[in-house]
Amino acid sequence: MVAFIDDHRNEYGIEPICEMLPIVPSTYYAHKAQQIDPHLRSDRAKSDAELELHIRRVWDANFQVYGTAKGVASAEAGRSRCRSMHGGAFDAENGPSRGDPRPDVQDDDR
């Protein structure tokens, strides 16, 4: 939505566009401030940007043909542990985790 507002702000103004869209002007201004000064971003947004660069490098190094499973396996091959976007450990078989794994659910054959 920020890009849409940027494209039309000279013609209509920011506040009138925000009245028609589900976004308040303060949210628009906050996003614009973060674009100008990346230090204003949250820690989560900063770590996501770093992770995105790593994922992009792995994807480009493999000719942009790897999907999720091979991409994760390739990323893990170069690291002893891979961190998910949320900061938890990543297990190639079970996906991201945040602590003790959940117990396996057994089928009840009654």
N, C-alpha and C. Protein backbone atom coordinates (compact mmCIF):
# COMPACT_ATOMS: atom_id res chain seq x y z
N MET A 1 0.80 -1.19 0.00
CA MET A 1 0.00 0.00 0.00
C MET A 1 0.85 1.26 0.00
N VAL A 2 2.02 1.16 0.63
CA VAL A 2 2.90 2.33 0.68
C VAL A 2 3.32 2.71 -0.73
N ALA A 3 3.64 1.72 -1.56
CA ALA A 3 4.03 1.99 -2.94
C ALA A 3 2.87 2.62 -3.73
N PHE A 4 1.67 2.14 -3.49
CA PHE A 4 0.49 2.72 -4.15
C PHE A 4 0.32 4.18 -3.75
N ILE A 5 0.44 4.45 -2.46
CA ILE A 5 0.31 5.83 -1.98
C ILE A 5 1.40 6.70 -2.59
N ASP A 6 2.63 6.19 -2.64
CA ASP A 6 3.72 6.94 -3.25
C ASP A 6 3.42 7.28 -4.71
N ASP A 7 2.83 6.33 -5.44
CA ASP A 7 2.53 6.55 -6.85
C ASP A 7 1.47 7.62 -7.07
N HIS A 8 0.56 7.79 -6.10
CA HIS A 8 -0.58 8.69 -6.30
C HIS A 8 -0.61 9.88 -5.34
N ARG A 9 0.40 10.04 -4.51
CA ARG A 9 0.36 11.09 -3.49
C ARG A 9 0.38 12.50 -4.07
N ASN A 10 1.07 12.70 -5.19
CA ASN A 10 1.11 14.04 -5.79
C ASN A 10 -0.24 14.46 -6.36
N GLU A 11 -0.98 13.48 -6.84
CA GLU A 11 -2.28 13.77 -7.46
C GLU A 11 -3.39 13.95 -6.42
N TYR A 12 -3.41 13.11 -5.37
CA TYR A 12 -4.53 13.12 -4.42
C TYR A 12 -4.14 13.55 -3.01
N GLY A 13 -2.89 13.39 -2.64
CA GLY A 13 -2.47 13.67 -1.27
C GLY A 13 -2.50 12.39 -0.44
N ILE A 14 -1.73 12.37 0.62
CA ILE A 14 -1.60 11.16 1.44
C ILE A 14 -2.85 10.89 2.26
N GLU A 15 -3.33 11.89 2.98
CA GLU A 15 -4.48 11.68 3.86
C GLU A 15 -5.74 11.25 3.12
N PRO A 16 -6.10 11.88 1.99
CA PRO A 16 -7.29 11.40 1.27
C PRO A 16 -7.16 9.95 0.78
N ILE A 17 -5.97 9.57 0.36
CA ILE A 17 -5.77 8.18 -0.08
C ILE A 17 -5.93 7.24 1.11
N CYS A 18 -5.36 7.62 2.24
CA CYS A 18 -5.46 6.77 3.44
C CYS A 18 -6.89 6.63 3.93
N GLU A 19 -7.72 7.64 3.70
CA GLU A 19 -9.14 7.53 4.09
C GLU A 19 -9.85 6.46 3.28
N MET A 20 -9.40 6.25 2.03
CA MET A 20 -10.05 5.27 1.16
C MET A 20 -9.46 3.86 1.33
N LEU A 21 -8.26 3.77 1.88
CA LEU A 21 -7.59 2.49 2.07
C LEU A 21 -7.58 2.12 3.55
N PRO A 22 -7.41 0.84 3.86
CA PRO A 22 -7.34 0.44 5.27
C PRO A 22 -5.95 0.67 5.87
N ILE A 23 -5.48 1.93 5.84
CA ILE A 23 -4.20 2.28 6.41
C ILE A 23 -4.30 3.70 6.97
N VAL A 24 -3.75 3.92 8.12
CA VAL A 24 -3.77 5.26 8.71
C VAL A 24 -2.52 6.00 8.28
N PRO A 25 -2.58 7.32 8.19
CA PRO A 25 -1.41 8.08 7.74
C PRO A 25 -0.16 7.83 8.60
N SER A 26 -0.33 7.63 9.90
CA SER A 26 0.85 7.41 10.75
C SER A 26 1.60 6.13 10.36
N THR A 27 0.88 5.12 9.91
CA THR A 27 1.52 3.89 9.45
C THR A 27 2.32 4.15 8.19
N TYR A 28 1.74 4.92 7.28
CA TYR A 28 2.46 5.28 6.05
C TYR A 28 3.74 6.04 6.40
N TYR A 29 3.64 7.03 7.27
CA TYR A 29 4.82 7.83 7.63
C TYR A 29 5.87 6.99 8.36
N ALA A 30 5.45 6.04 9.17
CA ALA A 30 6.39 5.17 9.87
C ALA A 30 7.16 4.30 8.86
N HIS A 31 6.45 3.76 7.86
CA HIS A 31 7.12 2.95 6.83
C HIS A 31 8.10 3.79 6.03
N LYS A 32 7.72 5.01 5.71
CA LYS A 32 8.62 5.88 4.96
C LYS A 32 9.86 6.22 5.78
N ALA A 33 9.70 6.45 7.07
CA ALA A 33 10.84 6.75 7.94
C ALA A 33 11.79 5.55 8.01
N GLN A 34 11.23 4.33 8.06
CA GLN A 34 12.07 3.13 8.10
C GLN A 34 12.79 2.90 6.78
N GLN A 35 12.19 3.30 5.67
CA GLN A 35 12.87 3.19 4.39
C GLN A 35 14.06 4.14 4.32
N ILE A 36 13.92 5.32 4.90
CA ILE A 36 14.99 6.32 4.89
C ILE A 36 16.09 5.93 5.86
N ASP A 37 15.71 5.50 7.07
CA ASP A 37 16.68 5.14 8.11
C ASP A 37 16.42 3.72 8.59
N PRO A 38 17.15 2.71 8.06
CA PRO A 38 16.91 1.31 8.44
C PRO A 38 17.14 1.02 9.93
N HIS A 39 17.84 1.89 10.64
CA HIS A 39 18.05 1.68 12.08
C HIS A 39 16.75 1.79 12.88
N LEU A 40 15.72 2.36 12.30
CA LEU A 40 14.43 2.49 12.97
C LEU A 40 13.62 1.19 12.92
N ARG A 41 14.06 0.24 12.10
CA ARG A 41 13.33 -1.02 12.00
C ARG A 41 13.46 -1.83 13.29
N SER A 42 12.52 -2.75 13.49
CA SER A 42 12.57 -3.63 14.65
C SER A 42 13.71 -4.63 14.49
N ASP A 43 14.13 -5.24 15.59
CA ASP A 43 15.18 -6.25 15.54
C ASP A 43 14.77 -7.41 14.63
N ARG A 44 13.50 -7.77 14.69
CA ARG A 44 12.98 -8.86 13.87
C ARG A 44 13.11 -8.52 12.39
N ALA A 45 12.76 -7.30 12.00
CA ALA A 45 12.85 -6.89 10.60
C ALA A 45 14.29 -6.88 10.13
N LYS A 46 15.21 -6.46 11.01
CA LYS A 46 16.63 -6.46 10.66
C LYS A 46 17.14 -7.87 10.44
N SER A 47 16.78 -8.81 11.33
CA SER A 47 17.26 -10.19 11.18
C SER A 47 16.61 -10.85 9.96
N ASP A 48 15.36 -10.52 9.67
CA ASP A 48 14.71 -11.05 8.47
C ASP A 48 15.43 -10.59 7.20
N ALA A 49 15.88 -9.34 7.19
CA ALA A 49 16.60 -8.82 6.02
C ALA A 49 17.93 -9.56 5.84
N GLU A 50 18.63 -9.84 6.94
CA GLU A 50 19.88 -10.59 6.86
C GLU A 50 19.63 -12.01 6.36
N LEU A 51 18.58 -12.64 6.88
CA LEU A 51 18.26 -14.00 6.46
C LEU A 51 17.86 -14.03 4.99
N GLU A 52 17.15 -13.02 4.55
CA GLU A 52 16.75 -12.94 3.15
C GLU A 52 17.98 -12.89 2.24
N LEU A 53 19.02 -12.17 2.65
CA LEU A 53 20.25 -12.11 1.87
C LEU A 53 20.91 -13.48 1.78
N HIS A 54 20.92 -14.22 2.90
CA HIS A 54 21.51 -15.56 2.90
C HIS A 54 20.72 -16.50 1.99
N ILE A 55 19.41 -16.45 2.09
CA ILE A 55 18.57 -17.31 1.24
C ILE A 55 18.78 -16.97 -0.23
N ARG A 56 18.87 -15.68 -0.53
CA ARG A 56 19.09 -15.25 -1.91
C ARG A 56 20.43 -15.77 -2.44
N ARG A 57 21.49 -15.73 -1.60
CA ARG A 57 22.80 -16.23 -2.02
C ARG A 57 22.74 -17.72 -2.34
N VAL A 58 22.07 -18.50 -1.48
CA VAL A 58 21.94 -19.95 -1.71
C VAL A 58 21.15 -20.20 -2.99
N TRP A 59 20.08 -19.46 -3.17
CA TRP A 59 19.22 -19.65 -4.35
C TRP A 59 19.98 -19.30 -5.62
N ASP A 60 20.71 -18.15 -5.60
CA ASP A 60 21.49 -17.75 -6.78
C ASP A 60 22.62 -18.73 -7.06
N ALA A 61 23.27 -19.22 -6.00
CA ALA A 61 24.38 -20.16 -6.18
C ALA A 61 23.92 -21.47 -6.81
N ASN A 62 22.65 -21.77 -6.68
CA ASN A 62 22.09 -23.01 -7.24
C ASN A 62 21.21 -22.73 -8.44
N PHE A 63 21.56 -21.68 -9.19
CA PHE A 63 20.93 -21.34 -10.45
C PHE A 63 19.44 -21.05 -10.33
N GLN A 64 19.00 -20.64 -9.17
CA GLN A 64 17.62 -20.23 -8.90
C GLN A 64 16.59 -21.33 -9.21
N VAL A 65 17.01 -22.59 -9.02
CA VAL A 65 16.09 -23.70 -9.30
C VAL A 65 15.71 -24.46 -8.04
N TYR A 66 16.36 -24.19 -6.92
CA TYR A 66 16.04 -24.92 -5.70
C TYR A 66 14.71 -24.46 -5.12
N GLY A 67 13.92 -25.43 -4.70
CA GLY A 67 12.71 -25.13 -3.97
C GLY A 67 13.01 -25.08 -2.48
N THR A 68 11.98 -25.12 -1.66
CA THR A 68 12.15 -24.99 -0.22
C THR A 68 12.98 -26.10 0.38
N ALA A 69 12.66 -27.36 0.07
CA ALA A 69 13.36 -28.49 0.69
C ALA A 69 14.84 -28.51 0.34
N LYS A 70 15.17 -28.39 -0.94
CA LYS A 70 16.57 -28.41 -1.34
C LYS A 70 17.29 -27.16 -0.87
N GLY A 71 16.60 -26.03 -0.87
CA GLY A 71 17.22 -24.79 -0.40
C GLY A 71 17.61 -24.87 1.06
N VAL A 72 16.73 -25.42 1.89
CA VAL A 72 17.04 -25.58 3.31
C VAL A 72 18.18 -26.57 3.49
N ALA A 73 18.15 -27.68 2.74
CA ALA A 73 19.22 -28.67 2.85
C ALA A 73 20.56 -28.07 2.43
N SER A 74 20.55 -27.28 1.38
CA SER A 74 21.77 -26.65 0.91
C SER A 74 22.27 -25.62 1.92
N ALA A 75 21.37 -24.86 2.51
CA ALA A 75 21.76 -23.88 3.52
C ALA A 75 22.34 -24.58 4.75
N GLU A 76 21.74 -25.71 5.12
CA GLU A 76 22.23 -26.45 6.27
C GLU A 76 23.57 -27.12 6.00
N ALA A 77 23.84 -27.45 4.75
CA ALA A 77 25.11 -28.11 4.43
C ALA A 77 26.30 -27.21 4.74
N GLY A 78 26.10 -25.91 4.64
CA GLY A 78 27.17 -24.98 4.92
C GLY A 78 27.22 -24.50 6.35
N ARG A 79 26.27 -24.90 7.17
CA ARG A 79 26.21 -24.47 8.57
C ARG A 79 25.89 -25.66 9.44
N SER A 80 26.35 -25.61 10.68
CA SER A 80 26.01 -26.70 11.59
C SER A 80 24.57 -26.56 12.06
N ARG A 81 24.12 -25.33 12.20
CA ARG A 81 22.73 -25.07 12.57
C ARG A 81 22.22 -23.89 11.77
N CYS A 82 21.03 -23.98 11.31
CA CYS A 82 20.41 -22.88 10.58
C CYS A 82 19.33 -22.30 11.47
N ARG A 83 19.23 -21.00 11.50
CA ARG A 83 18.20 -20.36 12.31
C ARG A 83 17.01 -20.02 11.44
N SER A 84 15.83 -20.27 11.94
CA SER A 84 14.64 -19.89 11.20
C SER A 84 14.45 -18.39 11.36
N MET A 85 13.48 -17.84 10.67
CA MET A 85 13.24 -16.39 10.76
C MET A 85 12.86 -15.97 12.16
N HIS A 86 12.33 -16.88 12.94
CA HIS A 86 11.91 -16.54 14.30
C HIS A 86 13.00 -16.77 15.33
N GLY A 87 14.16 -17.22 14.91
CA GLY A 87 15.27 -17.38 15.83
C GLY A 87 15.38 -18.75 16.46
N GLY A 88 14.49 -19.67 16.15
CA GLY A 88 14.58 -21.00 16.72
C GLY A 88 15.50 -21.88 15.90
N ALA A 89 15.89 -23.00 16.47
CA ALA A 89 16.73 -23.94 15.74
C ALA A 89 15.92 -24.56 14.61
N PHE A 90 16.59 -24.95 13.54
CA PHE A 90 15.89 -25.54 12.41
C PHE A 90 16.35 -26.98 12.24
N ASP A 91 15.40 -27.89 12.18
CA ASP A 91 15.67 -29.30 11.98
C ASP A 91 15.16 -29.66 10.58
N ALA A 92 16.03 -30.18 9.72
CA ALA A 92 15.66 -30.43 8.33
C ALA A 92 14.50 -31.41 8.21
N GLU A 93 14.37 -32.35 9.14
CA GLU A 93 13.28 -33.33 9.04
C GLU A 93 11.97 -32.79 9.59
N ASN A 94 12.04 -32.00 10.67
CA ASN A 94 10.81 -31.58 11.35
C ASN A 94 10.49 -30.10 11.21
N GLY A 95 11.37 -29.31 10.60
CA GLY A 95 11.12 -27.89 10.42
C GLY A 95 11.57 -27.09 11.62
N PRO A 96 11.15 -25.82 11.70
CA PRO A 96 11.62 -24.97 12.78
C PRO A 96 11.04 -25.38 14.12
N SER A 97 11.82 -25.16 15.18
CA SER A 97 11.34 -25.47 16.52
C SER A 97 11.79 -24.39 17.48
N ARG A 98 11.13 -24.26 18.61
CA ARG A 98 11.46 -23.24 19.59
C ARG A 98 11.86 -23.83 20.93
N GLY A 99 12.09 -25.08 21.02
CA GLY A 99 12.43 -25.69 22.30
C GLY A 99 12.25 -27.18 22.20
N ASP A 100 11.69 -27.75 23.24
CA ASP A 100 11.46 -29.19 23.23
C ASP A 100 10.47 -29.53 22.12
N PRO A 101 10.78 -30.56 21.34
CA PRO A 101 9.85 -30.94 20.27
C PRO A 101 8.56 -31.49 20.86
N ARG A 102 7.51 -31.33 20.12
CA ARG A 102 6.22 -31.86 20.55
C ARG A 102 6.26 -33.38 20.48
N PRO A 103 5.60 -34.07 21.38
CA PRO A 103 5.58 -35.53 21.30
C PRO A 103 4.80 -35.98 20.07
N ASP A 104 5.23 -37.10 19.51
CA ASP A 104 4.53 -37.63 18.35
C ASP A 104 3.14 -38.07 18.77
N VAL A 105 2.17 -37.82 17.90
CA VAL A 105 0.80 -38.22 18.16
C VAL A 105 0.61 -39.62 17.57
N GLN A 106 0.16 -40.52 18.40
CA GLN A 106 -0.05 -41.91 17.97
C GLN A 106 -1.51 -42.09 17.56
N ASP A 107 -1.71 -42.83 16.49
CA ASP A 107 -3.08 -43.14 16.08
C ASP A 107 -3.70 -44.09 17.07
N ASP A 108 -4.94 -43.85 17.43
CA ASP A 108 -5.65 -44.70 18.36
C ASP A 108 -6.51 -45.66 17.54
N ASP A 109 -6.15 -46.96 17.52
CA ASP A 109 -6.85 -47.96 16.73
C ASP A 109 -7.96 -48.60 17.57
N ARG A 110 -8.96 -47.87 17.88
CA ARG A 110 -10.07 -48.45 18.67
C ARG A 110 -11.15 -48.94 17.79
